[in-house]
Amino acid sequence: MHIFVTDREGARHRLEALEGFRVMEIIRDWGLDIKAECGGACACATCHVYVDDQWHGRLAPLAEEEEDMLDSAFDVETNSRLSCQILMSEELNGLELRLAPGTGKEDREAA
């Protein structure tokens, strides 16, 4: 299985993915620049991603906790999700997403 992630510079990455892993973990473990400060506890919005329109409807519905965290994120769009709340499965093989602005490690250092 794999996912496709477009970084903030526009480069597209094909990342191998294991079933049951959080998409945030896959992005982080492959070394892409993502803060993911809370480690997947849905306690921040630093793993904010934009899910490609063709995939957005295939994800589990947005939970209230995730929606509350997205309220604190910048540049939220209708296809915004927290990558820590997306669990990899066979149904998501080929998932396409883009890293949101302000979620990179360099952004933390600049703040």
C-alpha atoms as a PDB file:
ATOM      1  CA  MET A   1       0.000   0.000   0.000  1.00  0.00           C
ATOM      2  CA  HIS A   2       1.060   3.602  -0.482  1.00  0.00           C
ATOM      3  CA  ILE A   3      -0.044   7.217  -0.208  1.00  0.00           C
ATOM      4  CA  PHE A   4       0.924  10.265  -2.248  1.00  0.00           C
ATOM      5  CA  VAL A   5       1.890  13.400  -0.333  1.00  0.00           C
ATOM      6  CA  THR A   6       2.566  16.781  -1.918  1.00  0.00           C
ATOM      7  CA  ASP A   7       4.833  18.849   0.315  1.00  0.00           C
ATOM      8  CA  ARG A   8       4.597  22.608   0.827  1.00  0.00           C
ATOM      9  CA  GLU A   9       7.115  23.195  -1.994  1.00  0.00           C
ATOM     10  CA  GLY A  10       4.956  21.265  -4.465  1.00  0.00           C
ATOM     11  CA  ALA A  11       7.043  18.069  -4.671  1.00  0.00           C
ATOM     12  CA  ARG A  12       4.991  14.863  -4.809  1.00  0.00           C
ATOM     13  CA  HIS A  13       6.166  11.893  -2.730  1.00  0.00           C
ATOM     14  CA  ARG A  14       5.042   8.255  -2.977  1.00  0.00           C
ATOM     15  CA  LEU A  15       5.221   6.769   0.525  1.00  0.00           C
ATOM     16  CA  GLU A  16       4.858   3.106   1.368  1.00  0.00           C
ATOM     17  CA  ALA A  17       2.194   2.683   4.040  1.00  0.00           C
ATOM     18  CA  LEU A  18       1.214  -0.050   6.478  1.00  0.00           C
ATOM     19  CA  GLU A  19      -2.374  -0.854   7.366  1.00  0.00           C
ATOM     20  CA  GLY A  20      -3.454   0.491  10.761  1.00  0.00           C
ATOM     21  CA  PHE A  21      -0.846   3.265  10.883  1.00  0.00           C
ATOM     22  CA  ARG A  22      -1.961   6.862  11.207  1.00  0.00           C
ATOM     23  CA  VAL A  23      -1.263   8.829   8.024  1.00  0.00           C
ATOM     24  CA  MET A  24       0.610  11.345  10.219  1.00  0.00           C
ATOM     25  CA  GLU A  25       2.974   8.559  11.342  1.00  0.00           C
ATOM     26  CA  ILE A  26       3.608   7.517   7.743  1.00  0.00           C
ATOM     27  CA  ILE A  27       4.434  11.092   6.711  1.00  0.00           C
ATOM     28  CA  ARG A  28       6.695  11.621   9.730  1.00  0.00           C
ATOM     29  CA  ASP A  29       8.418   8.230   9.509  1.00  0.00           C
ATOM     30  CA  TRP A  30       9.343   8.822   5.861  1.00  0.00           C
ATOM     31  CA  GLY A  31      11.053  12.080   6.900  1.00  0.00           C
ATOM     32  CA  LEU A  32       8.701  14.647   5.393  1.00  0.00           C
ATOM     33  CA  ASP A  33       8.530  17.962   7.218  1.00  0.00           C
ATOM     34  CA  ILE A  34       5.528  17.763   9.545  1.00  0.00           C
ATOM     35  CA  LYS A  35       5.406  18.957  13.173  1.00  0.00           C
ATOM     36  CA  ALA A  36       2.827  16.514  14.545  1.00  0.00           C
ATOM     37  CA  GLU A  37       3.526  17.939  17.986  1.00  0.00           C
ATOM     38  CA  CYS A  38       0.969  15.920  19.973  1.00  0.00           C
ATOM     39  CA  GLY A  39       2.010  12.616  18.411  1.00  0.00           C
ATOM     40  CA  GLY A  40      -1.471  11.668  17.265  1.00  0.00           C
ATOM     41  CA  ALA A  41      -3.597  12.532  20.307  1.00  0.00           C
ATOM     42  CA  CYS A  42      -5.796  15.006  18.366  1.00  0.00           C
ATOM     43  CA  ALA A  43      -4.599  17.725  20.767  1.00  0.00           C
ATOM     44  CA  CYS A  44      -3.164  20.139  18.185  1.00  0.00           C
ATOM     45  CA  ALA A  45      -3.534  20.888  14.482  1.00  0.00           C
ATOM     46  CA  THR A  46       0.113  20.591  13.453  1.00  0.00           C
ATOM     47  CA  CYS A  47      -0.552  17.580  11.191  1.00  0.00           C
ATOM     48  CA  HIS A  48      -3.159  19.458   9.114  1.00  0.00           C
ATOM     49  CA  VAL A  49      -3.436  18.209   5.530  1.00  0.00           C
ATOM     50  CA  TYR A  50      -5.666  18.791   2.518  1.00  0.00           C
ATOM     51  CA  VAL A  51      -7.190  15.578   1.192  1.00  0.00           C
ATOM     52  CA  ASP A  52      -7.656  15.359  -2.577  1.00  0.00           C
ATOM     53  CA  ASP A  53     -11.302  15.789  -3.524  1.00  0.00           C
ATOM     54  CA  GLN A  54     -11.570  12.280  -5.006  1.00  0.00           C
ATOM     55  CA  TRP A  55     -10.547  10.809  -1.621  1.00  0.00           C
ATOM     56  CA  HIS A  56     -12.267  13.126   0.833  1.00  0.00           C
ATOM     57  CA  GLY A  57     -15.582  11.242   0.761  1.00  0.00           C
ATOM     58  CA  ARG A  58     -13.857   7.913   1.391  1.00  0.00           C
ATOM     59  CA  LEU A  59     -12.548   8.917   4.818  1.00  0.00           C
ATOM     60  CA  ALA A  60     -14.302   8.275   8.102  1.00  0.00           C
ATOM     61  CA  PRO A  61     -16.518  11.237   8.993  1.00  0.00           C
ATOM     62  CA  LEU A  62     -14.980  14.178  10.814  1.00  0.00           C
ATOM     63  CA  ALA A  63     -15.332  13.629  14.581  1.00  0.00           C
ATOM     64  CA  GLU A  64     -16.235  16.535  16.861  1.00  0.00           C
ATOM     65  CA  GLU A  65     -12.793  16.428  18.522  1.00  0.00           C
ATOM     66  CA  GLU A  66     -11.038  16.740  15.142  1.00  0.00           C
ATOM     67  CA  GLU A  67     -13.380  19.517  14.060  1.00  0.00           C
ATOM     68  CA  ASP A  68     -12.578  21.435  17.267  1.00  0.00           C
ATOM     69  CA  MET A  69      -8.836  21.121  16.585  1.00  0.00           C
ATOM     70  CA  LEU A  70      -9.256  22.258  12.974  1.00  0.00           C
ATOM     71  CA  ASP A  71     -10.950  25.388  14.327  1.00  0.00           C
ATOM     72  CA  SER A  72      -7.531  26.349  15.725  1.00  0.00           C
ATOM     73  CA  ALA A  73      -5.678  25.679  12.450  1.00  0.00           C
ATOM     74  CA  PHE A  74      -4.748  28.223   9.802  1.00  0.00           C
ATOM     75  CA  ASP A  75      -5.865  28.039   6.162  1.00  0.00           C
ATOM     76  CA  VAL A  76      -8.633  25.508   6.805  1.00  0.00           C
ATOM     77  CA  GLU A  77     -10.472  24.378   3.662  1.00  0.00           C
ATOM     78  CA  THR A  78     -13.464  22.097   3.121  1.00  0.00           C
ATOM     79  CA  ASN A  79     -11.042  19.210   2.470  1.00  0.00           C
ATOM     80  CA  SER A  80      -8.940  19.836   5.607  1.00  0.00           C
ATOM     81  CA  ARG A  81      -8.269  16.917   7.925  1.00  0.00           C
ATOM     82  CA  LEU A  82      -5.803  16.065  10.671  1.00  0.00           C
ATOM     83  CA  SER A  83      -3.556  13.314   9.353  1.00  0.00           C
ATOM     84  CA  CYS A  84      -3.356  11.763  12.839  1.00  0.00           C
ATOM     85  CA  GLN A  85      -7.061  10.946  12.561  1.00  0.00           C
ATOM     86  CA  ILE A  86      -6.791   9.076   9.254  1.00  0.00           C
ATOM     87  CA  LEU A  87      -6.014   5.386   9.733  1.00  0.00           C
ATOM     88  CA  MET A  88      -4.427   3.641   6.767  1.00  0.00           C
ATOM     89  CA  SER A  89      -6.461   0.813   5.273  1.00  0.00           C
ATOM     90  CA  GLU A  90      -6.703  -1.081   1.985  1.00  0.00           C
ATOM     91  CA  GLU A  91      -9.580   1.233   1.032  1.00  0.00           C
ATOM     92  CA  LEU A  92      -7.185   4.207   1.247  1.00  0.00           C
ATOM     93  CA  ASN A  93      -4.449   2.658  -0.890  1.00  0.00           C
ATOM     94  CA  GLY A  94      -3.310   5.480  -3.206  1.00  0.00           C
ATOM     95  CA  LEU A  95      -4.644   8.278  -0.961  1.00  0.00           C
ATOM     96  CA  GLU A  96      -3.605  11.730  -2.199  1.00  0.00           C
ATOM     97  CA  LEU A  97      -3.040  14.641   0.147  1.00  0.00           C
ATOM     98  CA  ARG A  98      -1.121  17.884   0.503  1.00  0.00           C
ATOM     99  CA  LEU A  99       0.637  19.274   3.581  1.00  0.00           C
ATOM    100  CA  ALA A 100      -1.002  22.461   4.833  1.00  0.00           C
ATOM    101  CA  PRO A 101       0.943  25.698   5.394  1.00  0.00           C
ATOM    102  CA  GLY A 102       2.266  26.254   8.906  1.00  0.00           C
ATOM    103  CA  THR A 103       2.696  22.569   9.760  1.00  0.00           C
ATOM    104  CA  GLY A 104       6.422  22.257   9.086  1.00  0.00           C
ATOM    105  CA  LYS A 105       9.109  22.014  11.748  1.00  0.00           C
ATOM    106  CA  GLU A 106      10.736  25.185  10.397  1.00  0.00           C
ATOM    107  CA  ASP A 107       7.490  27.039  11.133  1.00  0.00           C
ATOM    108  CA  ARG A 108       7.843  26.227  14.839  1.00  0.00           C
ATOM    109  CA  GLU A 109      11.379  27.599  14.914  1.00  0.00           C
ATOM    110  CA  ALA A 110      10.292  30.820  13.189  1.00  0.00           C
ATOM    111  CA  ALA A 111       7.452  31.421  15.671  1.00  0.00           C
END
